[in-house]
N, C-alpha and C. Protein backbone atom coordinates (compact mmCIF):
# COMPACT_ATOMS: atom_id res chain seq x y z
N UNK A 1 249.60 146.16 160.00
CA UNK A 1 248.34 146.01 160.54
C UNK A 1 247.54 144.96 159.68
N UNK A 2 246.94 144.04 160.35
CA UNK A 2 246.13 142.96 159.62
C UNK A 2 244.89 143.51 159.08
N UNK A 3 244.31 142.77 158.10
CA UNK A 3 243.08 143.19 157.49
C UNK A 3 241.99 143.21 158.66
N UNK A 4 241.98 142.23 159.49
CA UNK A 4 240.94 142.16 160.54
C UNK A 4 241.08 143.38 161.40
N UNK A 5 242.33 143.75 161.70
CA UNK A 5 242.54 145.08 162.55
C UNK A 5 242.06 146.22 161.78
N UNK A 6 242.33 146.34 160.46
CA UNK A 6 241.76 147.47 159.68
C UNK A 6 240.27 147.61 159.70
N UNK A 7 239.69 146.44 159.50
CA UNK A 7 238.21 146.38 159.54
C UNK A 7 237.66 146.84 160.91
N UNK A 8 238.34 146.30 161.94
CA UNK A 8 237.90 146.66 163.30
C UNK A 8 238.12 148.14 163.55
N UNK A 9 239.13 148.69 163.04
CA UNK A 9 239.41 150.16 163.28
C UNK A 9 238.26 151.02 162.60
N UNK A 10 237.95 150.64 161.41
CA UNK A 10 236.92 151.39 160.63
C UNK A 10 235.68 151.26 161.50
N UNK A 11 235.29 150.10 162.01
CA UNK A 11 234.10 149.97 162.86
C UNK A 11 234.11 150.77 164.07
N UNK A 12 235.31 150.85 164.71
CA UNK A 12 235.38 151.65 165.93
C UNK A 12 235.25 153.07 165.74
N UNK A 13 235.61 153.50 164.54
CA UNK A 13 235.44 154.98 164.20
C UNK A 13 233.99 155.26 164.01
N UNK A 14 233.13 154.23 163.86
CA UNK A 14 231.69 154.43 163.71
C UNK A 14 230.96 154.52 165.03
N UNK A 15 231.49 154.00 166.11
CA UNK A 15 230.82 153.89 167.26
C UNK A 15 230.21 155.20 167.84
N UNK A 16 231.08 156.26 168.04
CA UNK A 16 230.59 157.48 168.60
C UNK A 16 229.54 158.15 167.58
N UNK A 17 229.82 158.15 166.35
CA UNK A 17 228.81 158.74 165.41
C UNK A 17 227.45 157.91 165.53
N UNK A 18 227.56 156.63 165.59
CA UNK A 18 226.29 155.80 165.72
C UNK A 18 225.54 156.16 166.99
N UNK A 19 226.33 156.44 168.09
CA UNK A 19 225.65 156.76 169.38
C UNK A 19 224.99 158.17 169.22
N UNK A 20 225.71 159.06 168.56
CA UNK A 20 225.06 160.36 168.33
C UNK A 20 223.75 160.30 167.46
N UNK A 21 223.74 159.46 166.50
CA UNK A 21 222.57 159.23 165.64
C UNK A 21 221.47 158.68 166.48
N UNK A 22 221.86 157.76 167.36
CA UNK A 22 220.75 157.09 168.15
C UNK A 22 220.16 158.21 169.11
N UNK A 23 220.92 159.09 169.61
CA UNK A 23 220.43 160.12 170.52
C UNK A 23 219.47 161.08 169.65
N UNK A 24 219.96 161.52 168.45
CA UNK A 24 219.12 162.19 167.60
C UNK A 24 217.76 161.59 167.24
N UNK A 25 217.87 160.29 167.02
CA UNK A 25 216.64 159.58 166.59
C UNK A 25 215.55 159.58 167.79
N UNK A 26 215.96 159.75 169.01
CA UNK A 26 215.08 159.83 170.07
C UNK A 26 214.39 161.17 170.27
N UNK A 27 214.52 162.13 169.40
CA UNK A 27 213.90 163.34 169.45
C UNK A 27 212.40 163.34 169.65
N UNK A 28 211.80 164.31 170.12
CA UNK A 28 210.51 164.34 170.46
C UNK A 28 209.63 164.75 169.28
N UNK A 29 208.54 164.02 168.87
CA UNK A 29 207.73 164.39 167.80
C UNK A 29 207.08 165.71 168.10
N UNK A 30 206.79 166.53 167.20
CA UNK A 30 206.19 167.75 167.31
C UNK A 30 207.10 168.94 167.76
N UNK A 31 208.27 168.53 168.07
CA UNK A 31 209.21 169.63 168.55
C UNK A 31 210.05 170.01 167.30
N UNK A 32 210.08 171.32 167.01
CA UNK A 32 210.87 171.63 165.81
C UNK A 32 212.35 171.32 165.92
N UNK A 33 212.86 170.88 164.78
CA UNK A 33 214.35 170.46 164.81
C UNK A 33 215.23 171.72 164.53
N UNK A 34 216.19 171.90 165.38
CA UNK A 34 217.12 173.05 165.15
C UNK A 34 217.94 172.78 163.86
N UNK A 35 218.41 173.81 163.22
CA UNK A 35 219.21 173.78 162.03
C UNK A 35 220.39 172.87 162.15
N UNK A 36 221.04 172.93 163.33
CA UNK A 36 222.24 172.13 163.56
C UNK A 36 222.01 170.63 163.36
N UNK A 37 220.70 170.19 163.69
CA UNK A 37 220.44 168.83 163.58
C UNK A 37 220.64 168.28 162.08
N UNK A 38 220.24 169.09 161.12
CA UNK A 38 220.40 168.74 159.74
C UNK A 38 221.83 168.53 159.46
N UNK A 39 222.74 169.46 159.92
CA UNK A 39 224.11 169.50 159.66
C UNK A 39 224.82 168.23 160.32
N UNK A 40 224.29 167.97 161.59
CA UNK A 40 224.91 166.85 162.34
C UNK A 40 224.48 165.52 161.65
N UNK A 41 223.30 165.47 161.25
CA UNK A 41 222.79 164.15 160.71
C UNK A 41 223.62 163.89 159.40
N UNK A 42 223.82 164.93 158.58
CA UNK A 42 224.57 164.76 157.32
C UNK A 42 226.10 164.46 157.58
N UNK A 43 226.59 165.11 158.66
CA UNK A 43 228.10 164.89 159.01
C UNK A 43 228.32 163.43 159.41
N UNK A 44 227.46 163.12 160.38
CA UNK A 44 227.59 161.78 161.10
C UNK A 44 227.29 160.62 160.13
N UNK A 45 226.17 160.69 159.37
CA UNK A 45 225.90 159.61 158.44
C UNK A 45 227.04 159.54 157.33
N UNK A 46 227.60 160.68 156.93
CA UNK A 46 228.75 160.68 156.02
C UNK A 46 229.96 159.96 156.60
N UNK A 47 230.16 160.18 157.89
CA UNK A 47 231.35 159.55 158.55
C UNK A 47 231.21 158.01 158.49
N UNK A 48 230.05 157.60 158.95
CA UNK A 48 229.68 156.19 158.99
C UNK A 48 229.74 155.56 157.56
N UNK A 49 229.18 156.27 156.62
CA UNK A 49 229.30 155.76 155.24
C UNK A 49 230.66 155.60 154.80
N UNK A 50 231.45 156.62 154.96
CA UNK A 50 232.89 156.50 154.57
C UNK A 50 233.69 155.40 155.26
N UNK A 51 233.49 155.21 156.53
CA UNK A 51 234.17 154.14 157.21
C UNK A 51 233.65 152.73 156.73
N UNK A 52 232.39 152.63 156.58
CA UNK A 52 231.88 151.32 156.14
C UNK A 52 232.33 150.99 154.67
N UNK A 53 232.39 152.00 153.86
CA UNK A 53 232.88 151.78 152.51
C UNK A 53 234.40 151.33 152.56
N UNK A 54 235.17 152.08 153.33
CA UNK A 54 236.59 151.79 153.50
C UNK A 54 236.72 150.24 154.07
N UNK A 55 235.84 149.86 155.03
CA UNK A 55 235.95 148.49 155.58
C UNK A 55 235.64 147.58 154.43
N UNK A 56 234.60 147.77 153.59
CA UNK A 56 234.24 146.94 152.52
C UNK A 56 235.39 146.79 151.55
N UNK A 57 236.03 147.89 151.28
CA UNK A 57 237.16 147.76 150.26
C UNK A 57 238.29 146.95 150.89
N UNK A 58 238.51 147.02 152.20
CA UNK A 58 239.46 146.15 152.85
C UNK A 58 239.11 144.73 152.87
N UNK A 59 237.83 144.37 153.06
CA UNK A 59 237.35 143.12 152.97
C UNK A 59 237.53 142.51 151.58
N UNK A 60 237.16 143.26 150.58
CA UNK A 60 237.28 142.78 149.21
C UNK A 60 238.68 142.59 148.85
N UNK A 61 239.67 143.46 149.13
CA UNK A 61 241.01 143.28 148.87
C UNK A 61 241.54 142.09 149.52
N UNK A 62 241.32 141.96 150.82
CA UNK A 62 241.71 140.68 151.54
C UNK A 62 241.23 139.45 150.90
N UNK A 63 240.01 139.46 150.41
CA UNK A 63 239.36 138.26 149.86
C UNK A 63 239.92 138.03 148.46
N UNK A 64 240.79 138.86 147.93
CA UNK A 64 241.43 138.68 146.60
C UNK A 64 240.46 138.90 145.51
N UNK A 65 239.62 139.86 145.54
CA UNK A 65 238.70 140.10 144.46
C UNK A 65 239.37 140.77 143.31
N UNK A 66 238.68 140.58 142.20
CA UNK A 66 239.13 141.05 140.93
C UNK A 66 239.18 139.93 139.87
N UNK A 67 238.87 138.70 140.36
CA UNK A 67 238.91 137.62 139.38
C UNK A 67 237.83 136.68 139.74
N UNK A 68 236.57 136.81 139.31
CA UNK A 68 235.55 135.87 139.44
C UNK A 68 234.67 135.82 140.60
N UNK A 69 234.72 136.79 141.50
CA UNK A 69 233.93 136.80 142.69
C UNK A 69 233.06 138.07 142.70
N UNK A 70 232.57 138.43 141.54
CA UNK A 70 231.80 139.70 141.45
C UNK A 70 230.48 139.68 142.22
N UNK A 71 230.00 138.53 142.47
CA UNK A 71 228.72 138.45 143.30
C UNK A 71 228.88 139.00 144.63
N UNK A 72 229.98 138.72 145.36
CA UNK A 72 230.22 139.41 146.73
C UNK A 72 230.44 140.84 146.53
N UNK A 73 231.04 141.26 145.57
CA UNK A 73 231.32 142.76 145.37
C UNK A 73 229.90 143.41 145.18
N UNK A 74 229.17 142.79 144.27
CA UNK A 74 227.79 143.35 144.11
C UNK A 74 226.93 143.28 145.33
N UNK A 75 226.98 142.17 146.04
CA UNK A 75 226.27 142.08 147.27
C UNK A 75 226.62 143.18 148.23
N UNK A 76 227.81 143.47 148.54
CA UNK A 76 228.33 144.50 149.44
C UNK A 76 227.83 145.93 148.81
N UNK A 77 227.99 146.18 147.48
CA UNK A 77 227.62 147.40 146.85
C UNK A 77 226.14 147.76 147.06
N UNK A 78 225.36 146.70 146.88
CA UNK A 78 223.87 146.88 147.07
C UNK A 78 223.58 147.26 148.48
N UNK A 79 224.33 146.73 149.50
CA UNK A 79 224.11 147.06 150.89
C UNK A 79 224.55 148.43 151.18
N UNK A 80 225.70 148.81 150.65
CA UNK A 80 226.24 150.18 150.79
C UNK A 80 225.29 151.16 150.25
N UNK A 81 224.67 150.90 148.99
CA UNK A 81 223.70 151.75 148.40
C UNK A 81 222.52 151.98 149.29
N UNK A 82 222.00 150.88 149.93
CA UNK A 82 220.84 151.00 150.85
C UNK A 82 221.26 151.86 152.03
N UNK A 83 222.42 151.71 152.51
CA UNK A 83 222.82 152.48 153.66
C UNK A 83 222.83 154.02 153.25
N UNK A 84 223.41 154.27 152.04
CA UNK A 84 223.38 155.68 151.61
C UNK A 84 222.02 156.23 151.38
N UNK A 85 221.13 155.37 150.88
CA UNK A 85 219.77 155.81 150.71
C UNK A 85 219.05 156.13 152.13
N UNK A 86 219.37 155.30 153.10
CA UNK A 86 218.76 155.61 154.47
C UNK A 86 219.37 156.90 155.00
N UNK A 87 220.73 157.23 154.68
CA UNK A 87 221.25 158.45 155.21
C UNK A 87 220.52 159.66 154.41
N UNK A 88 220.38 159.45 153.10
CA UNK A 88 219.64 160.59 152.34
C UNK A 88 218.31 160.76 152.88
N UNK A 89 217.53 159.72 153.11
CA UNK A 89 216.19 159.84 153.75
C UNK A 89 216.13 160.59 155.08
N UNK A 90 217.15 160.23 155.94
CA UNK A 90 217.21 160.89 157.25
C UNK A 90 217.50 162.36 157.13
N UNK A 91 218.43 162.73 156.27
CA UNK A 91 218.74 164.16 156.03
C UNK A 91 217.56 164.85 155.45
N UNK A 92 216.82 164.22 154.47
CA UNK A 92 215.65 164.90 153.90
C UNK A 92 214.59 165.17 155.00
N UNK A 93 214.30 164.15 155.81
CA UNK A 93 213.35 164.29 156.90
C UNK A 93 213.83 165.45 157.86
N UNK A 94 215.10 165.43 158.18
CA UNK A 94 215.64 166.54 159.04
C UNK A 94 215.43 167.88 158.50
N UNK A 95 215.73 167.96 157.19
CA UNK A 95 215.50 169.29 156.40
C UNK A 95 214.10 169.65 156.48
N UNK A 96 213.17 168.67 156.33
CA UNK A 96 211.76 168.99 156.42
C UNK A 96 211.20 169.28 157.89
N UNK A 97 212.12 169.09 158.77
CA UNK A 97 211.74 169.43 160.23
C UNK A 97 210.82 168.25 160.81
N UNK A 98 210.90 167.06 160.36
CA UNK A 98 210.05 165.99 160.77
C UNK A 98 210.89 165.03 161.63
N UNK A 99 210.91 165.25 163.02
CA UNK A 99 211.70 164.40 163.86
C UNK A 99 211.34 162.95 163.89
N UNK A 100 210.02 162.71 163.75
CA UNK A 100 209.58 161.20 163.70
C UNK A 100 210.02 160.47 162.52
N UNK A 101 209.95 161.18 161.36
CA UNK A 101 210.40 160.48 160.17
C UNK A 101 211.90 160.39 160.13
N UNK A 102 212.62 161.49 160.58
CA UNK A 102 214.00 161.36 160.74
C UNK A 102 214.46 160.23 161.65
N UNK A 103 213.81 160.09 162.78
CA UNK A 103 214.10 158.99 163.73
C UNK A 103 213.91 157.62 163.13
N UNK A 104 212.86 157.43 162.31
CA UNK A 104 212.67 156.15 161.71
C UNK A 104 213.78 155.85 160.67
N UNK A 105 214.24 156.83 159.92
CA UNK A 105 215.30 156.62 158.96
C UNK A 105 216.70 156.40 159.65
N UNK A 106 216.93 157.13 160.80
CA UNK A 106 218.11 156.85 161.56
C UNK A 106 218.17 155.51 162.17
N UNK A 107 217.07 154.99 162.57
CA UNK A 107 217.09 153.60 163.15
C UNK A 107 217.29 152.63 161.94
N UNK A 108 216.75 152.82 160.84
CA UNK A 108 216.91 152.02 159.69
C UNK A 108 218.45 152.05 159.28
N UNK A 109 219.03 153.35 159.38
CA UNK A 109 220.48 153.43 159.08
C UNK A 109 221.35 152.61 160.09
N UNK A 110 220.95 152.61 161.31
CA UNK A 110 221.71 151.93 162.33
C UNK A 110 221.60 150.45 162.06
N UNK A 111 220.37 149.98 161.82
CA UNK A 111 220.17 148.47 161.52
C UNK A 111 220.94 147.99 160.28
N UNK A 112 220.95 148.91 159.28
CA UNK A 112 221.71 148.57 157.98
C UNK A 112 223.11 148.64 158.21
N UNK A 113 223.63 149.48 159.07
CA UNK A 113 225.09 149.46 159.41
C UNK A 113 225.49 148.20 159.99
N UNK A 114 224.71 147.60 161.03
CA UNK A 114 225.06 146.43 161.66
C UNK A 114 224.93 145.25 160.61
N UNK A 115 223.94 145.29 159.75
CA UNK A 115 223.80 144.28 158.77
C UNK A 115 224.98 144.25 157.78
N UNK A 116 225.54 145.39 157.41
CA UNK A 116 226.60 145.39 156.48
C UNK A 116 227.81 144.82 157.13
N UNK A 117 228.01 145.10 158.38
CA UNK A 117 229.15 144.47 159.11
C UNK A 117 229.04 142.95 159.06
N UNK A 118 227.92 142.45 159.28
CA UNK A 118 227.64 141.01 159.23
C UNK A 118 228.01 140.43 157.85
N UNK A 119 227.64 141.18 156.84
CA UNK A 119 227.99 140.71 155.44
C UNK A 119 229.49 140.78 155.25
N UNK A 120 230.16 141.84 155.69
CA UNK A 120 231.57 141.95 155.56
C UNK A 120 232.33 140.85 156.21
N UNK A 121 231.82 140.54 157.48
CA UNK A 121 232.41 139.34 158.17
C UNK A 121 232.27 138.05 157.44
N UNK A 122 231.06 137.83 156.83
CA UNK A 122 230.80 136.54 156.13
C UNK A 122 231.72 136.51 154.92
N UNK A 123 231.82 137.55 154.13
CA UNK A 123 232.68 137.59 152.94
C UNK A 123 234.17 137.38 153.37
N UNK A 124 234.63 138.11 154.30
CA UNK A 124 235.95 137.98 154.72
C UNK A 124 236.27 136.53 155.24
N UNK A 125 235.49 136.06 156.19
CA UNK A 125 235.63 134.77 156.70
C UNK A 125 235.59 133.50 155.71
N UNK A 126 234.64 133.63 154.79
CA UNK A 126 234.55 132.65 153.77
C UNK A 126 235.67 132.62 152.85
N UNK A 127 236.30 133.72 152.60
CA UNK A 127 237.47 133.73 151.74
C UNK A 127 238.71 133.29 152.57
N UNK A 128 238.77 133.54 153.75
CA UNK A 128 240.01 133.13 154.46
C UNK A 128 240.02 131.59 154.75
N UNK A 129 238.90 130.98 154.73
CA UNK A 129 238.80 129.53 154.90
C UNK A 129 238.57 128.80 153.48
N UNK A 130 238.61 129.59 152.47
CA UNK A 130 238.53 129.13 151.12
C UNK A 130 237.23 128.53 150.68
N UNK A 131 236.21 129.06 151.34
CA UNK A 131 234.73 128.54 150.98
C UNK A 131 234.10 129.87 150.13
N UNK A 132 233.44 129.42 149.20
CA UNK A 132 232.74 130.43 148.40
C UNK A 132 231.28 130.52 148.81
N UNK A 133 230.85 131.66 149.35
CA UNK A 133 229.47 131.82 150.00
C UNK A 133 228.42 131.51 148.91
């Protein structure tokens, strides 16, 4: 399996969880959140985080990191940390029973997921053609 296929497979594993999060983010303000929502938000954001981290590792491995390109590694790590923070914020809001705040954090999580995929593509493509970003 090629690296591009591995990256695509990790992203495809995120599609259903991201749809689930989008549905949860549409919850109605003022309506109490059932307990299962907290569990689902934690489970699903965890799945997306794990797949996104695995795809990032594949990108860095394919790009031949380990010698002199720490800037890209740091760039990806910072974005993964932001994604993890958005997940924590969504879980905290769900635990607090605040559907509006949870929805805002889930939307941020969704946007950050798309953004990290763009960064992964840029790092992978630049190394494949021998250009340093």
